[in-house]
């Protein structure tokens, strides 16, 4: 059975990522890219679906782990009766067309018996590769279709029952190195690379990036870890920002709310971009803007809510029926049918991202602006139509209030871009549309009896996305309608002090079952508290939220308040973005108050 989601840590090279468990097992790894089929998929099945274990033969008394400061290099210390051993895991800078992973075992004290078990299963845990031993017993080559993986090690490894195994003893002061390299199977088998140097190169690269824009203040370390996590989810070459490193981790244990998040949502990427820029990282804005222009190139009516890492449009959803799912949560999915949905809010996210990039110092780009002019022409024609909304419901389109508000944002940021940065556009025409949308939302999206905005026109349901209204500037935080909406959300969507997205029991989202509290929405409530002057409430909720992070500072998408554990895909960019923005807002307000 898999570990709890929070018992994993991420390592990555900004091309792909691996999940490493507290037990010393790498249980999820896609090669060569974030959205490739995994060769280790035991996270969604059993060890026979692929994993790489390095751990003491005896059960440890305790396990301690940490990232090296300002890096994505993971150190896990196993304490047993006979001694202490450390496993250092990282993915290292690599030449083009390869992926490299290093695992270094270091004896810290005593004498520890270790075991190694490698199970490669390509194609989402199903395809057994052809394996050939390297000369000198230093490792082996595994080949399946287009994939070749070479594994080297400082101890002899043997094959048994389609596993590769080893047992060895390590004493204080000793080190054993193990490395993995992926290449296309038509390439030559590479020579063993310098693994020790690879660890130091990875450490230096991450520290160099983290120190380019140092953060400070009360929550600096928490923010820094979230920023590194967001950077790890950004493809180094294309600039695409994925939503999470995993697929099909459930929003309810045993339920069907299991989705593939290894793609680039325009919304999530826009939020991520803003968080990085707010923390001083400007280069990401340039890279993402270039990715965006490539991805959405074509007819404006064909814009999608999400794309592949390099801008791919075809993300066909399919079920991987040979995998039982995380703790029996089926189905396991690859691809995401939400790519075909209409979500009007992405227009607002795109325009806001462009505007915020300029605020952050990105230079004017007339070509990029021309693309957005076409998008605005399309939005003008469709903003009044229903859509599937921010939460990608599968129960039919509605007139979602958040979607309309983000359409308002699109025209508002276009107007500001002209006024503040000298772009050309029909400002008076846009002002009229902006006002029309604003009037309609206030008339049809506000329920006077409830004294609150609602999820959709004519509905009595609430939605946590309404917390974004003051954040995006649709209404000021002291507007009575905003105050009433926050109060209504506190009454009806809070669960153990955290925020649910909406009431799933209505069945209107087209899915069965329930879900946990949504961590990003809970951080949005922190933002609202700060903006409303409720600083004590903001700090209390923020501290309660960050207490949910795992031992290395990572968050999934949701939290199960009954079973007290993280659920949903992991690590989740949306959650870390919301944390960064809430922490920065708290810090800014604290400075102002001082």
Protein backbone atom coordinates (compact mmCIF):
# COMPACT_ATOMS: atom_id res chain seq x y z
CA UNK A 1 0.00 0.00 0.00
CA UNK A 2 1.26 3.51 -0.83
CA UNK A 3 2.35 5.92 1.83
CA UNK A 4 0.21 8.89 2.76
CA UNK A 5 0.50 11.66 0.19
CA UNK A 6 2.25 13.93 2.68
CA UNK A 7 4.91 11.25 3.23
CA UNK A 8 6.35 12.03 -0.19
CA UNK A 9 8.82 14.69 -1.32
CA UNK A 10 9.54 15.90 -4.84
CA UNK A 11 12.84 15.97 -6.68
CA UNK A 12 13.15 17.24 -10.23
CA UNK A 13 15.24 18.72 -13.01
CA UNK A 14 12.56 21.08 -14.41
CA UNK A 15 11.86 18.58 -17.16
CA UNK A 16 10.26 15.91 -15.05
CA UNK A 17 9.85 15.09 -11.36
CA UNK A 18 9.91 12.10 -9.02
CA UNK A 19 8.09 11.42 -5.76
CA UNK A 20 10.33 9.99 -3.04
CA UNK A 21 8.71 8.41 -0.01
CA UNK A 22 9.81 8.45 3.62
CA UNK A 23 10.48 4.73 3.23
CA UNK A 24 13.23 5.41 0.67
CA UNK A 25 11.16 4.38 -2.35
CA UNK A 26 10.73 6.43 -5.53
CA UNK A 27 7.11 5.56 -6.33
CA UNK A 28 6.33 7.90 -9.23
CA UNK A 29 8.60 9.02 -12.06
CA UNK A 30 7.65 10.01 -15.61
CA UNK A 31 10.38 9.90 -18.24
CA UNK A 32 11.47 11.99 -19.99
CA UNK A 33 8.87 14.70 -19.35
CA UNK A 34 6.32 15.65 -16.70
CA UNK A 35 3.47 14.32 -18.84
CA UNK A 36 5.20 11.19 -20.16
CA UNK A 37 3.97 7.78 -19.08
CA UNK A 38 5.56 6.84 -15.75
CA UNK A 39 8.12 4.05 -15.46
CA UNK A 40 7.61 4.00 -11.69
CA UNK A 41 3.87 3.94 -10.96
CA UNK A 42 3.55 2.10 -7.66
CA UNK A 43 2.01 5.30 -6.24
CA UNK A 44 -1.11 4.30 -8.17
CA UNK A 45 -0.78 0.55 -7.71
CA UNK A 46 1.71 -1.86 -6.14
CA UNK A 47 5.48 -2.25 -6.23
CA UNK A 48 4.99 -4.47 -9.29
CA UNK A 49 3.94 -1.32 -11.18
CA UNK A 50 7.41 0.17 -10.74
CA UNK A 51 9.50 1.66 -7.96
CA UNK A 52 13.09 2.15 -6.75
CA UNK A 53 13.70 1.39 -3.09
CA UNK A 54 16.91 2.07 -1.17
CA UNK A 55 16.43 1.65 2.58
CA UNK A 56 17.72 -0.17 5.68
CA UNK A 57 16.87 -3.86 5.79
CA UNK A 58 15.54 -3.37 9.33
CA UNK A 59 12.56 -1.14 10.10
CA UNK A 60 13.87 2.28 11.16
CA UNK A 61 13.24 3.64 14.64
CA UNK A 62 12.65 7.05 13.11
CA UNK A 63 13.10 8.89 9.84
CA UNK A 64 14.17 12.51 9.48
CA UNK A 65 14.39 14.35 6.19
CA UNK A 66 14.97 17.78 4.81
CA UNK A 67 15.95 19.61 1.65
CA UNK A 68 19.37 21.14 1.57
CA UNK A 69 18.74 24.86 2.18
CA UNK A 70 17.43 26.68 -0.92
CA UNK A 71 17.60 23.53 -3.08
CA UNK A 72 15.57 20.56 -4.30
CA UNK A 73 18.21 18.11 -3.06
CA UNK A 74 16.54 15.77 -0.56
CA UNK A 75 18.31 14.19 2.43
CA UNK A 76 16.61 11.36 4.34
CA UNK A 77 18.18 10.00 7.55
CA UNK A 78 17.19 6.51 8.70
CA UNK A 79 17.87 5.72 12.37
CA UNK A 80 18.05 2.05 13.37
CA UNK A 81 19.50 0.23 16.39
CA UNK A 82 22.83 -0.38 14.66
CA UNK A 83 23.42 3.11 13.25
CA UNK A 84 22.28 5.98 11.07
CA UNK A 85 22.35 6.14 7.28
CA UNK A 86 21.50 9.01 4.93
CA UNK A 87 20.07 8.73 1.43
CA UNK A 88 20.53 11.87 -0.69
CA UNK A 89 18.24 12.11 -3.72
CA UNK A 90 18.24 14.60 -6.56
CA UNK A 91 17.87 15.04 -10.29
CA UNK A 92 20.84 16.77 -11.81
CA UNK A 93 21.56 19.27 -14.61
CA UNK A 94 21.80 17.31 -17.82
CA UNK A 95 22.73 17.61 -21.48
CA UNK A 96 19.98 17.74 -24.06
CA UNK A 97 17.72 14.68 -24.46
CA UNK A 98 18.65 12.99 -21.18
CA UNK A 99 17.35 12.81 -17.63
CA UNK A 100 19.68 12.02 -14.73
CA UNK A 101 18.84 10.99 -11.18
CA UNK A 102 21.33 10.32 -8.36
CA UNK A 103 20.89 8.45 -5.07
CA UNK A 104 23.83 8.64 -2.65
CA UNK A 105 23.93 6.44 0.47
CA UNK A 106 26.13 7.79 3.28
CA UNK A 107 26.97 6.05 6.56
CA UNK A 108 26.61 8.54 9.42
CA UNK A 109 27.18 6.20 12.37
CA UNK A 110 27.43 2.51 13.20
CA UNK A 111 26.94 -0.21 10.63
CA UNK A 112 23.70 -0.55 8.66
CA UNK A 113 22.46 -3.38 6.44
CA UNK A 114 20.80 -1.92 3.32
CA UNK A 115 18.58 -3.28 0.58
CA UNK A 116 17.87 -2.10 -2.95
CA UNK A 117 14.93 -3.07 -5.15
CA UNK A 118 14.37 -1.63 -8.64
CA UNK A 119 11.28 -2.45 -10.69
CA UNK A 120 10.98 -0.75 -14.08
CA UNK A 121 7.51 -0.89 -15.63
CA UNK A 122 7.05 1.45 -18.58
CA UNK A 123 3.69 2.54 -20.01
CA UNK A 124 1.96 3.43 -16.73
CA UNK A 125 3.27 0.43 -14.82
CA UNK A 126 2.49 -2.31 -17.33
CA UNK A 127 5.37 -2.87 -19.78
CA UNK A 128 8.25 -5.05 -18.55
CA UNK A 129 11.50 -3.91 -20.23
CA UNK A 130 14.26 -5.98 -21.74
CA UNK A 131 17.22 -5.82 -19.33
CA UNK A 132 20.92 -6.33 -20.09
CA UNK A 133 23.78 -6.22 -17.62
CA UNK A 134 26.60 -3.73 -18.19
CA UNK A 135 30.19 -4.98 -18.36
CA UNK A 136 31.92 -5.27 -15.02
CA UNK A 137 28.67 -5.74 -13.06
CA UNK A 138 28.41 -1.99 -12.46
CA UNK A 139 24.83 -1.73 -13.62
CA UNK A 140 22.30 -2.56 -16.29
CA UNK A 141 20.34 -1.22 -19.24
CA UNK A 142 16.53 -1.46 -19.46
CA UNK A 143 14.85 -0.94 -22.84
CA UNK A 144 11.16 -0.81 -23.77
CA UNK A 145 9.99 0.74 -27.05
CA UNK A 146 11.27 4.32 -27.28
CA UNK A 147 12.74 4.33 -23.77
CA UNK A 148 16.18 3.34 -22.50
CA UNK A 149 17.21 3.65 -18.87
CA UNK A 150 20.74 2.94 -17.67
CA UNK A 151 21.38 2.33 -13.96
CA UNK A 152 24.83 2.34 -12.37
CA UNK A 153 25.74 1.42 -8.81
CA UNK A 154 28.71 1.01 -6.49
CA UNK A 155 27.47 -2.42 -5.36
CA UNK A 156 26.66 -5.54 -7.40
CA UNK A 157 23.01 -5.80 -8.46
CA UNK A 158 21.28 -9.01 -9.50
CA UNK A 159 18.08 -9.79 -11.36
CA UNK A 160 15.35 -11.93 -9.84
CA UNK A 161 11.68 -12.30 -10.77
CA UNK A 162 11.83 -9.21 -13.01
CA UNK A 163 13.27 -7.15 -10.13
CA UNK A 164 16.82 -5.84 -9.75
CA UNK A 165 18.04 -6.32 -6.20
CA UNK A 166 21.05 -5.74 -3.99
CA UNK A 167 22.03 -6.08 -0.36
CA UNK A 168 25.00 -4.26 1.10
CA UNK A 169 26.43 -3.01 4.37
CA UNK A 170 27.51 0.57 4.96
CA UNK A 171 29.63 1.83 7.83
CA UNK A 172 30.20 5.32 9.19
CA UNK A 173 32.19 7.42 6.72
CA UNK A 174 31.41 5.28 3.67
CA UNK A 175 29.46 6.37 0.57
CA UNK A 176 27.80 4.40 -2.19
CA UNK A 177 26.49 6.09 -5.32
CA UNK A 178 23.68 5.00 -7.63
CA UNK A 179 22.62 6.78 -10.78
CA UNK A 180 19.94 6.60 -13.44
CA UNK A 181 20.01 8.09 -16.91
CA UNK A 182 17.17 8.07 -19.45
CA UNK A 183 17.78 8.38 -23.20
CA UNK A 184 15.84 7.55 -26.35
CA UNK A 185 16.33 3.84 -26.98
CA UNK A 186 17.98 4.40 -30.37
CA UNK A 187 20.91 6.20 -28.73
CA UNK A 188 24.15 4.57 -27.67
CA UNK A 189 24.48 3.43 -24.07
CA UNK A 190 26.20 6.35 -22.28
CA UNK A 191 29.21 6.19 -20.00
CA UNK A 192 28.68 6.53 -16.28
CA UNK A 193 28.43 10.19 -15.32
CA UNK A 194 30.01 11.83 -12.26
CA UNK A 195 27.22 11.38 -9.73
CA UNK A 196 28.86 13.15 -6.80
CA UNK A 197 29.54 16.19 -8.95
CA UNK A 198 25.95 16.01 -10.19
CA UNK A 199 24.63 16.44 -6.65
CA UNK A 200 26.79 19.51 -6.12
CA UNK A 201 25.81 20.95 -9.50
CA UNK A 202 22.14 20.52 -8.64
CA UNK A 203 22.64 22.17 -5.24
CA UNK A 204 24.49 25.11 -6.79
CA UNK A 205 21.89 25.63 -9.52
CA UNK A 206 18.98 25.71 -7.09
CA UNK A 207 20.76 28.00 -4.63
CA UNK A 208 21.75 30.37 -7.40
CA UNK A 209 18.13 30.68 -8.50
CA UNK A 210 16.73 31.04 -4.99
CA UNK A 211 19.22 33.75 -4.06
CA UNK A 212 18.48 35.89 -7.12
CA UNK A 213 15.41 37.28 -5.37
CA UNK A 214 15.78 36.66 -1.63
CA UNK A 215 12.63 36.78 0.48
CA UNK A 216 12.47 38.04 4.02
CA UNK A 217 10.03 38.38 6.86
CA UNK A 218 8.24 36.15 9.31
CA UNK A 219 7.32 33.41 6.82
CA UNK A 220 10.39 33.70 4.57
CA UNK A 221 11.43 30.04 4.77
CA UNK A 222 7.90 28.80 4.02
CA UNK A 223 7.61 31.16 1.05
CA UNK A 224 11.06 30.21 -0.25
CA UNK A 225 10.16 26.52 -0.24
CA UNK A 226 6.93 27.21 -2.11
CA UNK A 227 8.78 29.29 -4.72
CA UNK A 228 11.31 26.50 -5.30
CA UNK A 229 8.42 24.06 -5.67
CA UNK A 230 6.75 26.30 -8.25
CA UNK A 231 10.03 26.60 -10.13
CA UNK A 232 10.33 22.80 -10.11
CA UNK A 233 6.95 22.59 -11.87
CA UNK A 234 8.13 24.93 -14.65
CA UNK A 235 9.63 23.29 -17.73
CA UNK A 236 13.16 24.64 -18.23
CA UNK A 237 13.01 24.77 -22.02
CA UNK A 238 9.41 25.55 -23.01
CA UNK A 239 8.42 27.77 -20.06
CA UNK A 240 5.23 25.75 -19.52
CA UNK A 241 4.04 25.57 -15.90
CA UNK A 242 2.25 22.36 -14.88
CA UNK A 243 -0.48 22.22 -12.23
CA UNK A 244 1.03 19.29 -10.30
CA UNK A 245 3.58 16.52 -10.72
CA UNK A 246 1.08 13.64 -10.46
CA UNK A 247 -2.01 12.12 -11.99
CA UNK A 248 -5.06 10.62 -10.30
CA UNK A 249 -4.31 11.26 -6.65
CA UNK A 250 -7.88 11.37 -5.31
CA UNK A 251 -9.84 14.30 -3.93
CA UNK A 252 -11.74 11.72 -1.89
CA UNK A 253 -10.14 8.42 -0.87
CA UNK A 254 -11.85 5.65 -2.79
CA UNK A 255 -13.75 8.13 -4.97
CA UNK A 256 -13.79 8.99 -8.67
CA UNK A 257 -12.54 12.59 -8.45
CA UNK A 258 -9.12 11.64 -9.78
CA UNK A 259 -7.59 13.78 -12.51
CA UNK A 260 -4.37 14.11 -14.47
CA UNK A 261 -2.76 17.42 -13.48
CA UNK A 262 0.53 17.10 -15.40
CA UNK A 263 -0.49 19.79 -17.88
CA UNK A 264 -0.44 23.57 -18.17
CA UNK A 265 -3.69 25.26 -17.17
CA UNK A 266 -3.73 28.88 -18.29
CA UNK A 267 -5.34 29.84 -14.99
CA UNK A 268 -2.92 27.98 -12.75
CA UNK A 269 0.08 29.11 -14.79
CA UNK A 270 -1.09 32.74 -14.61
CA UNK A 271 -1.36 32.54 -10.83
CA UNK A 272 2.05 30.85 -10.62
CA UNK A 273 3.61 33.48 -12.83
CA UNK A 274 2.24 36.28 -10.66
CA UNK A 275 3.53 34.64 -7.47
CA UNK A 276 7.03 34.29 -8.94
CA UNK A 277 7.01 37.88 -10.18
CA UNK A 278 5.68 39.20 -6.87
CA UNK A 279 8.65 37.51 -5.23
CA UNK A 280 11.07 39.15 -7.67
CA UNK A 281 11.65 36.42 -10.27
CA UNK A 282 11.23 38.20 -13.62
CA UNK A 283 12.73 35.76 -16.12
CA UNK A 284 9.81 33.38 -15.65
CA UNK A 285 7.46 36.07 -16.97
CA UNK A 286 9.37 36.27 -20.25
CA UNK A 287 9.55 32.49 -20.64
CA UNK A 288 5.88 31.94 -19.84
CA UNK A 289 4.75 34.76 -22.10
CA UNK A 290 6.61 33.18 -24.99
CA UNK A 291 5.11 29.79 -24.14
CA UNK A 292 1.64 31.32 -24.03
CA UNK A 293 1.93 33.04 -27.40
CA UNK A 294 2.99 29.78 -28.99
CA UNK A 295 0.31 27.71 -27.24
CA UNK A 296 -2.67 29.93 -28.11
CA UNK A 297 -1.51 30.72 -31.66
CA UNK A 298 -4.35 30.15 -34.12
CA UNK A 299 -7.97 31.17 -34.11
CA UNK A 300 -9.13 32.90 -30.92
CA UNK A 301 -12.23 30.73 -30.89
CA UNK A 302 -9.94 27.68 -30.51
CA UNK A 303 -8.29 28.82 -27.28
CA UNK A 304 -8.16 26.06 -24.70
CA UNK A 305 -8.07 26.26 -20.92
CA UNK A 306 -5.04 23.98 -20.80
CA UNK A 307 -2.23 22.65 -22.98
CA UNK A 308 0.63 20.21 -22.88
CA UNK A 309 4.04 21.21 -21.62
CA UNK A 310 5.11 22.35 -25.09
CA UNK A 311 1.69 23.71 -26.03
CA UNK A 312 0.09 20.47 -27.26
CA UNK A 313 -3.67 20.72 -27.71
CA UNK A 314 -4.74 17.07 -27.89
CA UNK A 315 -4.92 15.86 -24.27
CA UNK A 316 -7.33 12.98 -24.76
CA UNK A 317 -8.51 11.52 -21.47
CA UNK A 318 -8.32 7.76 -21.05
CA UNK A 319 -8.60 5.33 -18.15
CA UNK A 320 -5.63 3.18 -17.13
CA UNK A 321 -7.71 0.17 -16.10
CA UNK A 322 -4.80 -2.09 -15.09
CA UNK A 323 -3.88 0.17 -12.16
CA UNK A 324 -6.00 -0.11 -8.99
CA UNK A 325 -5.46 3.54 -8.07
CA UNK A 326 -4.10 5.24 -4.98
CA UNK A 327 -5.65 3.37 -2.02
CA UNK A 328 -8.17 1.86 -4.42
CA UNK A 329 -9.31 5.20 -5.85
CA UNK A 330 -10.36 4.42 -9.41
CA UNK A 331 -10.25 5.30 -12.17
CA UNK A 332 -6.64 6.19 -12.86
CA UNK A 333 -6.65 8.72 -15.69
CA UNK A 334 -4.13 9.90 -18.27
CA UNK A 335 -5.00 13.03 -20.21
CA UNK A 336 -7.75 15.43 -19.23
CA UNK A 337 -11.07 15.95 -20.98
CA UNK A 338 -11.39 19.39 -19.38
CA UNK A 339 -9.14 20.60 -22.22
CA UNK A 340 -12.29 20.71 -24.35
CA UNK A 341 -14.31 22.80 -21.92
CA UNK A 342 -15.19 26.47 -22.21
CA UNK A 343 -14.03 28.51 -19.24
CA UNK A 344 -14.47 32.22 -19.76
CA UNK A 345 -12.30 33.14 -16.80
CA UNK A 346 -9.10 32.24 -18.69
CA UNK A 347 -9.48 35.41 -20.77
CA UNK A 348 -9.28 37.45 -17.60
CA UNK A 349 -6.34 35.44 -16.31
CA UNK A 350 -4.42 36.02 -19.53
CA UNK A 351 -5.04 39.77 -19.60
CA UNK A 352 -4.24 40.11 -15.92
CA UNK A 353 -1.01 38.12 -16.33
CA UNK A 354 0.10 40.40 -19.16
CA UNK A 355 -0.67 43.51 -17.13
CA UNK A 356 1.05 42.19 -14.00
CA UNK A 357 4.09 41.26 -16.07
CA UNK A 358 4.40 44.90 -17.11
CA UNK A 359 3.99 46.01 -13.51
CA UNK A 360 6.87 43.66 -12.75
CA UNK A 361 9.10 45.26 -15.36
CA UNK A 362 8.54 43.17 -18.48
CA UNK A 363 8.92 45.29 -21.59
CA UNK A 364 6.13 45.97 -24.07
CA UNK A 365 5.52 43.34 -26.73
CA UNK A 366 3.36 44.48 -29.62
CA UNK A 367 3.04 40.97 -31.07
CA UNK A 368 1.77 39.63 -27.77
CA UNK A 369 -0.62 42.57 -27.50
CA UNK A 370 -2.01 41.91 -30.97
CA UNK A 371 -2.83 38.35 -29.95
CA UNK A 372 -4.71 39.66 -26.94
CA UNK A 373 -6.67 42.12 -29.06
CA UNK A 374 -8.03 39.16 -31.02
CA UNK A 375 -8.89 37.38 -27.77
CA UNK A 376 -10.82 40.42 -26.55
CA UNK A 377 -12.78 40.53 -29.80
CA UNK A 378 -13.80 36.92 -29.21
CA UNK A 379 -14.61 37.52 -25.54
CA UNK A 380 -16.86 40.42 -26.47
CA UNK A 381 -19.00 37.96 -28.43
CA UNK A 382 -19.19 35.18 -25.84
CA UNK A 383 -18.86 36.66 -22.34
CA UNK A 384 -22.63 36.54 -21.75
CA UNK A 385 -22.81 32.81 -22.52
CA UNK A 386 -22.66 30.02 -19.89
CA UNK A 387 -19.52 27.96 -19.34
CA UNK A 388 -18.13 25.14 -17.18
CA UNK A 389 -16.47 27.57 -14.78
CA UNK A 390 -13.28 27.63 -12.75
CA UNK A 391 -13.91 24.22 -11.15
CA UNK A 392 -14.46 22.45 -14.48
CA UNK A 393 -17.82 20.97 -13.56
CA UNK A 394 -19.07 18.07 -15.64
CA UNK A 395 -22.74 18.67 -14.96
CA UNK A 396 -23.41 21.20 -17.71
CA UNK A 397 -22.69 24.86 -18.34
CA UNK A 398 -24.00 27.62 -16.07
CA UNK A 399 -23.82 31.39 -15.76
CA UNK A 400 -21.03 31.32 -13.19
CA UNK A 401 -20.43 34.60 -11.38
CA UNK A 402 -16.67 34.10 -11.18
CA UNK A 403 -16.49 33.60 -14.94
CA UNK A 404 -18.31 36.88 -15.55
CA UNK A 405 -16.10 38.71 -13.09
CA UNK A 406 -12.99 37.46 -14.88
CA UNK A 407 -14.46 38.64 -18.19
CA UNK A 408 -14.72 42.03 -16.49
CA UNK A 409 -11.06 41.66 -15.46
CA UNK A 410 -10.06 41.03 -19.08
CA UNK A 411 -11.46 44.34 -20.28
CA UNK A 412 -10.34 46.18 -17.15
CA UNK A 413 -6.70 45.08 -17.61
CA UNK A 414 -6.86 45.90 -21.30
CA UNK A 415 -7.93 49.43 -20.41
CA UNK A 416 -5.16 49.72 -17.83
CA UNK A 417 -2.59 48.40 -20.30
CA UNK A 418 -3.47 51.23 -22.67
CA UNK A 419 -3.57 53.86 -19.94
CA UNK A 420 -0.44 52.76 -18.07
CA UNK A 421 1.81 51.23 -20.75
CA UNK A 422 0.91 52.97 -23.97
CA UNK A 423 -0.73 50.19 -25.95
CA UNK A 424 -3.35 51.05 -28.57
CA UNK A 425 -6.94 49.89 -28.27
CA UNK A 426 -10.61 51.00 -28.32
CA UNK A 427 -10.62 52.10 -24.69
CA UNK A 428 -14.04 53.78 -24.67
CA UNK A 429 -15.63 50.71 -26.25
CA UNK A 430 -13.96 48.48 -23.65
CA UNK A 431 -15.12 50.75 -20.84
CA UNK A 432 -18.71 50.31 -22.00
CA UNK A 433 -18.37 46.52 -22.05
CA UNK A 434 -16.67 46.54 -18.68
CA UNK A 435 -19.54 48.51 -17.18
CA UNK A 436 -22.12 46.27 -18.82
CA UNK A 437 -20.55 43.17 -17.29
CA UNK A 438 -20.24 44.83 -13.89
CA UNK A 439 -23.87 45.88 -13.86
CA UNK A 440 -25.06 42.44 -14.93
CA UNK A 441 -23.04 40.63 -12.25
CA UNK A 442 -24.24 42.96 -9.51
CA UNK A 443 -27.85 42.55 -10.65
CA UNK A 444 -27.96 38.82 -11.41
CA UNK A 445 -25.14 37.43 -9.31
CA UNK A 446 -26.02 39.01 -5.95
CA UNK A 447 -28.77 37.58 -3.75
CA UNK A 448 -30.20 40.33 -1.54
CA UNK A 449 -31.92 37.85 0.75
CA UNK A 450 -28.65 36.03 1.39
CA UNK A 451 -26.72 39.33 1.34
CA UNK A 452 -24.12 37.56 -0.76
CA UNK A 453 -22.92 36.94 -4.26
CA UNK A 454 -23.75 33.41 -5.40
CA UNK A 455 -22.16 30.71 -7.50
CA UNK A 456 -24.28 31.27 -10.61
CA UNK A 457 -27.12 33.50 -11.74
CA UNK A 458 -30.37 32.49 -10.06
CA UNK A 459 -28.64 30.09 -7.68
CA UNK A 460 -28.64 29.98 -3.90
CA UNK A 461 -25.34 28.10 -3.84
CA UNK A 462 -22.12 29.67 -2.61
CA UNK A 463 -18.70 29.30 -4.18
CA UNK A 464 -15.25 30.00 -2.75
CA UNK A 465 -14.20 31.58 -6.04
CA UNK A 466 -16.28 34.59 -4.93
CA UNK A 467 -13.42 35.35 -2.55
CA UNK A 468 -11.50 36.53 -5.61
CA UNK A 469 -13.86 39.45 -6.28
CA UNK A 470 -12.02 41.93 -4.03
CA UNK A 471 -8.63 40.39 -4.86
CA UNK A 472 -9.02 41.15 -8.59
CA UNK A 473 -10.55 44.58 -7.85
CA UNK A 474 -14.13 43.95 -8.95
CA UNK A 475 -15.36 45.59 -5.73
CA UNK A 476 -13.44 47.05 -2.78
CA UNK A 477 -13.07 44.83 0.31
CA UNK A 478 -15.14 47.21 2.44
CA UNK A 479 -18.13 47.07 0.07
CA UNK A 480 -21.12 45.71 2.07
CA UNK A 481 -21.74 43.09 -0.62
CA UNK A 482 -18.21 41.75 -0.22
CA UNK A 483 -18.48 41.78 3.56
CA UNK A 484 -21.77 39.89 3.27
CA UNK A 485 -20.28 37.35 0.85
CA UNK A 486 -17.34 36.60 3.13
CA UNK A 487 -19.73 36.19 6.06
CA UNK A 488 -21.91 33.80 4.04
CA UNK A 489 -18.88 31.72 3.06
CA UNK A 490 -17.82 31.61 6.70
CA UNK A 491 -21.27 30.31 7.66
CA UNK A 492 -21.75 27.74 4.91
CA UNK A 493 -18.42 26.71 3.34
CA UNK A 494 -16.11 26.52 6.35
CA UNK A 495 -15.27 23.03 7.58
CA UNK A 496 -13.10 22.81 10.69
CA UNK A 497 -11.97 26.35 9.91
CA UNK A 498 -10.97 25.66 6.29
CA UNK A 499 -12.81 26.53 3.07
CA UNK A 500 -14.60 24.10 0.75
CA UNK A 501 -14.90 25.11 -2.90
CA UNK A 502 -18.67 24.63 -2.98
CA UNK A 503 -21.29 22.20 -1.77
CA UNK A 504 -20.63 18.99 -3.72
CA UNK A 505 -23.75 17.31 -2.33
CA UNK A 506 -26.02 19.17 -4.74
CA UNK A 507 -24.76 16.94 -7.56
CA UNK A 508 -24.59 19.89 -9.92
CA UNK A 509 -20.94 19.26 -10.74
CA UNK A 510 -21.87 15.99 -12.45
CA UNK A 511 -19.75 13.80 -10.15
CA UNK A 512 -20.45 11.48 -7.26
CA UNK A 513 -18.87 11.63 -3.83
CA UNK A 514 -17.35 14.46 -1.86
CA UNK A 515 -13.96 16.15 -1.54
CA UNK A 516 -11.72 17.71 1.07
CA UNK A 517 -11.33 21.36 1.95
CA UNK A 518 -9.58 23.30 -0.80
CA UNK A 519 -6.33 24.78 0.45
CA UNK A 520 -5.98 27.55 -2.16
CA UNK A 521 -9.45 28.85 -1.32
CA UNK A 522 -8.54 28.89 2.35
CA UNK A 523 -5.53 31.08 1.55
CA UNK A 524 -7.88 33.34 -0.45
CA UNK A 525 -9.85 33.83 2.75
CA UNK A 526 -6.60 34.94 4.40
CA UNK A 527 -6.24 37.54 1.63
CA UNK A 528 -9.76 38.77 2.26
CA UNK A 529 -9.20 39.05 5.99
CA UNK A 530 -6.07 41.14 5.43
CA UNK A 531 -7.83 43.42 2.94
CA UNK A 532 -10.77 43.86 5.32
CA UNK A 533 -8.49 44.81 8.20
CA UNK A 534 -9.07 41.54 10.09
CA UNK A 535 -5.37 40.92 10.61
CA UNK A 536 -5.69 38.71 13.68
CA UNK A 537 -8.07 36.42 11.81
CA UNK A 538 -5.75 36.42 8.79
CA UNK A 539 -2.69 35.44 10.79
CA UNK A 540 -4.57 32.78 12.73
CA UNK A 541 -5.90 31.14 9.58
CA UNK A 542 -2.55 31.42 7.80
CA UNK A 543 -0.75 29.71 10.68
CA UNK A 544 -3.41 27.01 10.79
CA UNK A 545 -2.94 26.40 7.06
CA UNK A 546 0.85 26.28 7.02
CA UNK A 547 0.70 23.79 9.89
CA UNK A 548 -0.81 21.35 7.37
CA UNK A 549 2.30 21.32 5.16
CA UNK A 550 4.36 18.16 5.31
CA UNK A 551 7.76 17.86 6.94
CA UNK A 552 9.54 19.26 3.86
CA UNK A 553 7.09 22.12 3.27
CA UNK A 554 4.87 20.65 0.53
CA UNK A 555 1.11 20.80 -0.02
CA UNK A 556 -1.34 18.75 -2.04
CA UNK A 557 -4.50 20.27 -3.48
CA UNK A 558 -6.86 19.50 -0.59
CA UNK A 559 -7.02 18.35 3.02
CA UNK A 560 -9.22 15.67 4.52
CA UNK A 561 -10.28 17.10 7.89
CA UNK A 562 -11.84 13.80 9.02
CA UNK A 563 -8.83 11.57 8.39
CA UNK A 564 -6.41 14.47 8.93
CA UNK A 565 -4.34 13.95 5.82
CA UNK A 566 -3.54 15.63 2.51
CA UNK A 567 -5.44 14.54 -0.59
CA UNK A 568 -5.39 15.42 -4.28
CA UNK A 569 -2.49 15.79 -6.69
CA UNK A 570 0.89 16.65 -5.25
CA UNK A 571 2.66 18.96 -4.95
CA UNK A 572 -0.04 21.34 -6.13
CA UNK A 573 1.03 24.62 -7.74
CA UNK A 574 -2.30 26.32 -7.00
CA UNK A 575 -1.88 25.78 -3.25
CA UNK A 576 1.71 27.01 -3.16
CA UNK A 577 0.81 30.06 -5.27
CA UNK A 578 -1.99 31.00 -2.90
CA UNK A 579 0.36 30.57 0.06
CA UNK A 580 3.01 32.84 -1.46
CA UNK A 581 0.52 35.57 -2.33
CA UNK A 582 -1.15 35.44 1.10
CA UNK A 583 2.22 35.57 2.88
CA UNK A 584 3.38 38.52 0.77
CA UNK A 585 0.11 40.34 1.41
CA UNK A 586 0.43 39.74 5.15
CA UNK A 587 4.03 40.96 5.09
CA UNK A 588 3.18 44.10 3.12
CA UNK A 589 0.29 44.98 5.40
CA UNK A 590 2.47 44.33 8.42
CA UNK A 591 5.10 46.74 7.10
CA UNK A 592 2.44 49.33 6.38
CA UNK A 593 1.06 48.94 9.88
CA UNK A 594 4.57 49.37 11.31
